[in-house]
């Protein structure tokens, strides 16, 4: 809660924005790594349909990751 006379400087706002972006990118990175691991796991066990689904999910997440990082 902001106090009536409290002001947020432009530097504080920019710092918070950069931190929030870093957290989002970190979350995307973790999710993408999990999907890539799932793809590898299914591919090595000849689960063709599941491996293809994971590959498609990884491609979708790569696009979303790049958009979030921009």
C-alpha atoms as a PDB file:
ATOM      1  CA  UNK A   1       0.000   0.000   0.000  1.00  0.00           C
ATOM      2  CA  UNK A   2       1.346   3.396  -0.939  1.00  0.00           C
ATOM      3  CA  UNK A   3       1.209   6.176   1.580  1.00  0.00           C
ATOM      4  CA  UNK A   4      -0.354   9.445   0.373  1.00  0.00           C
ATOM      5  CA  UNK A   5       2.986  11.262   0.220  1.00  0.00           C
ATOM      6  CA  UNK A   6       5.006   8.290  -1.030  1.00  0.00           C
ATOM      7  CA  UNK A   7       6.410   8.600  -4.512  1.00  0.00           C
ATOM      8  CA  UNK A   8       8.029   5.981  -6.689  1.00  0.00           C
ATOM      9  CA  UNK A   9      10.983   7.216  -8.659  1.00  0.00           C
ATOM     10  CA  UNK A  10      11.413   6.406 -12.323  1.00  0.00           C
ATOM     11  CA  UNK A  11      14.500   4.374 -11.395  1.00  0.00           C
ATOM     12  CA  UNK A  12      12.553   2.264  -8.897  1.00  0.00           C
ATOM     13  CA  UNK A  13       9.808   1.659 -11.441  1.00  0.00           C
ATOM     14  CA  UNK A  14      12.320   0.678 -14.132  1.00  0.00           C
ATOM     15  CA  UNK A  15      14.119  -1.644 -11.709  1.00  0.00           C
ATOM     16  CA  UNK A  16      10.857  -3.367 -10.757  1.00  0.00           C
ATOM     17  CA  UNK A  17       9.954  -3.743 -14.428  1.00  0.00           C
ATOM     18  CA  UNK A  18      13.331  -5.308 -15.261  1.00  0.00           C
ATOM     19  CA  UNK A  19      13.018  -7.699 -12.309  1.00  0.00           C
ATOM     20  CA  UNK A  20       9.501  -8.774 -13.351  1.00  0.00           C
ATOM     21  CA  UNK A  21      10.716  -9.419 -16.902  1.00  0.00           C
ATOM     22  CA  UNK A  22      13.634 -11.504 -15.602  1.00  0.00           C
ATOM     23  CA  UNK A  23      11.239 -13.600 -13.505  1.00  0.00           C
ATOM     24  CA  UNK A  24       8.966 -14.193 -16.523  1.00  0.00           C
ATOM     25  CA  UNK A  25      11.921 -15.191 -18.697  1.00  0.00           C
ATOM     26  CA  UNK A  26      13.169 -17.545 -15.977  1.00  0.00           C
ATOM     27  CA  UNK A  27       9.764 -19.212 -15.799  1.00  0.00           C
ATOM     28  CA  UNK A  28       9.632 -19.609 -19.599  1.00  0.00           C
ATOM     29  CA  UNK A  29      13.151 -21.049 -19.561  1.00  0.00           C
ATOM     30  CA  UNK A  30      12.270 -23.648 -16.907  1.00  0.00           C
ATOM     31  CA  UNK A  31       9.108 -24.653 -18.758  1.00  0.00           C
ATOM     32  CA  UNK A  32      10.922 -24.952 -22.076  1.00  0.00           C
ATOM     33  CA  UNK A  33      13.640 -27.121 -20.508  1.00  0.00           C
ATOM     34  CA  UNK A  34      11.009 -29.425 -18.992  1.00  0.00           C
ATOM     35  CA  UNK A  35       9.278 -29.856 -22.357  1.00  0.00           C
ATOM     36  CA  UNK A  36      12.585 -30.553 -24.114  1.00  0.00           C
ATOM     37  CA  UNK A  37      13.394 -33.175 -21.465  1.00  0.00           C
ATOM     38  CA  UNK A  38       9.966 -34.769 -21.986  1.00  0.00           C
ATOM     39  CA  UNK A  39      10.545 -34.842 -25.739  1.00  0.00           C
ATOM     40  CA  UNK A  40      13.899 -36.571 -25.269  1.00  0.00           C
ATOM     41  CA  UNK A  41      12.446 -39.068 -22.777  1.00  0.00           C
ATOM     42  CA  UNK A  42       9.607 -40.046 -25.141  1.00  0.00           C
ATOM     43  CA  UNK A  43      11.856 -40.159 -28.211  1.00  0.00           C
ATOM     44  CA  UNK A  44      14.346 -42.527 -26.546  1.00  0.00           C
ATOM     45  CA  UNK A  45      11.491 -44.878 -25.652  1.00  0.00           C
ATOM     46  CA  UNK A  46       9.935 -44.849 -29.138  1.00  0.00           C
ATOM     47  CA  UNK A  47       6.808 -43.010 -27.962  1.00  0.00           C
ATOM     48  CA  UNK A  48       6.427 -41.345 -31.342  1.00  0.00           C
ATOM     49  CA  UNK A  49       3.131 -39.531 -30.795  1.00  0.00           C
ATOM     50  CA  UNK A  50       4.127 -38.149 -27.387  1.00  0.00           C
ATOM     51  CA  UNK A  51       7.570 -37.108 -28.653  1.00  0.00           C
ATOM     52  CA  UNK A  52       5.966 -35.230 -31.557  1.00  0.00           C
ATOM     53  CA  UNK A  53       3.519 -33.496 -29.208  1.00  0.00           C
ATOM     54  CA  UNK A  54       6.422 -32.436 -26.981  1.00  0.00           C
ATOM     55  CA  UNK A  55       8.354 -31.197 -30.028  1.00  0.00           C
ATOM     56  CA  UNK A  56       5.396 -29.065 -31.087  1.00  0.00           C
ATOM     57  CA  UNK A  57       4.997 -27.722 -27.550  1.00  0.00           C
ATOM     58  CA  UNK A  58       8.707 -26.863 -27.425  1.00  0.00           C
ATOM     59  CA  UNK A  59       8.463 -24.967 -30.709  1.00  0.00           C
ATOM     60  CA  UNK A  60       5.447 -23.024 -29.438  1.00  0.00           C
ATOM     61  CA  UNK A  61       7.292 -22.210 -26.201  1.00  0.00           C
ATOM     62  CA  UNK A  62      10.403 -21.070 -28.096  1.00  0.00           C
ATOM     63  CA  UNK A  63       8.302 -18.525 -29.972  1.00  0.00           C
ATOM     64  CA  UNK A  64       6.625 -17.371 -26.752  1.00  0.00           C
ATOM     65  CA  UNK A  65      10.004 -17.208 -24.966  1.00  0.00           C
ATOM     66  CA  UNK A  66      11.456 -14.982 -27.679  1.00  0.00           C
ATOM     67  CA  UNK A  67       8.414 -12.707 -27.490  1.00  0.00           C
ATOM     68  CA  UNK A  68       8.726 -12.465 -23.693  1.00  0.00           C
ATOM     69  CA  UNK A  69      12.449 -11.726 -23.941  1.00  0.00           C
ATOM     70  CA  UNK A  70      11.944  -8.935 -26.498  1.00  0.00           C
END
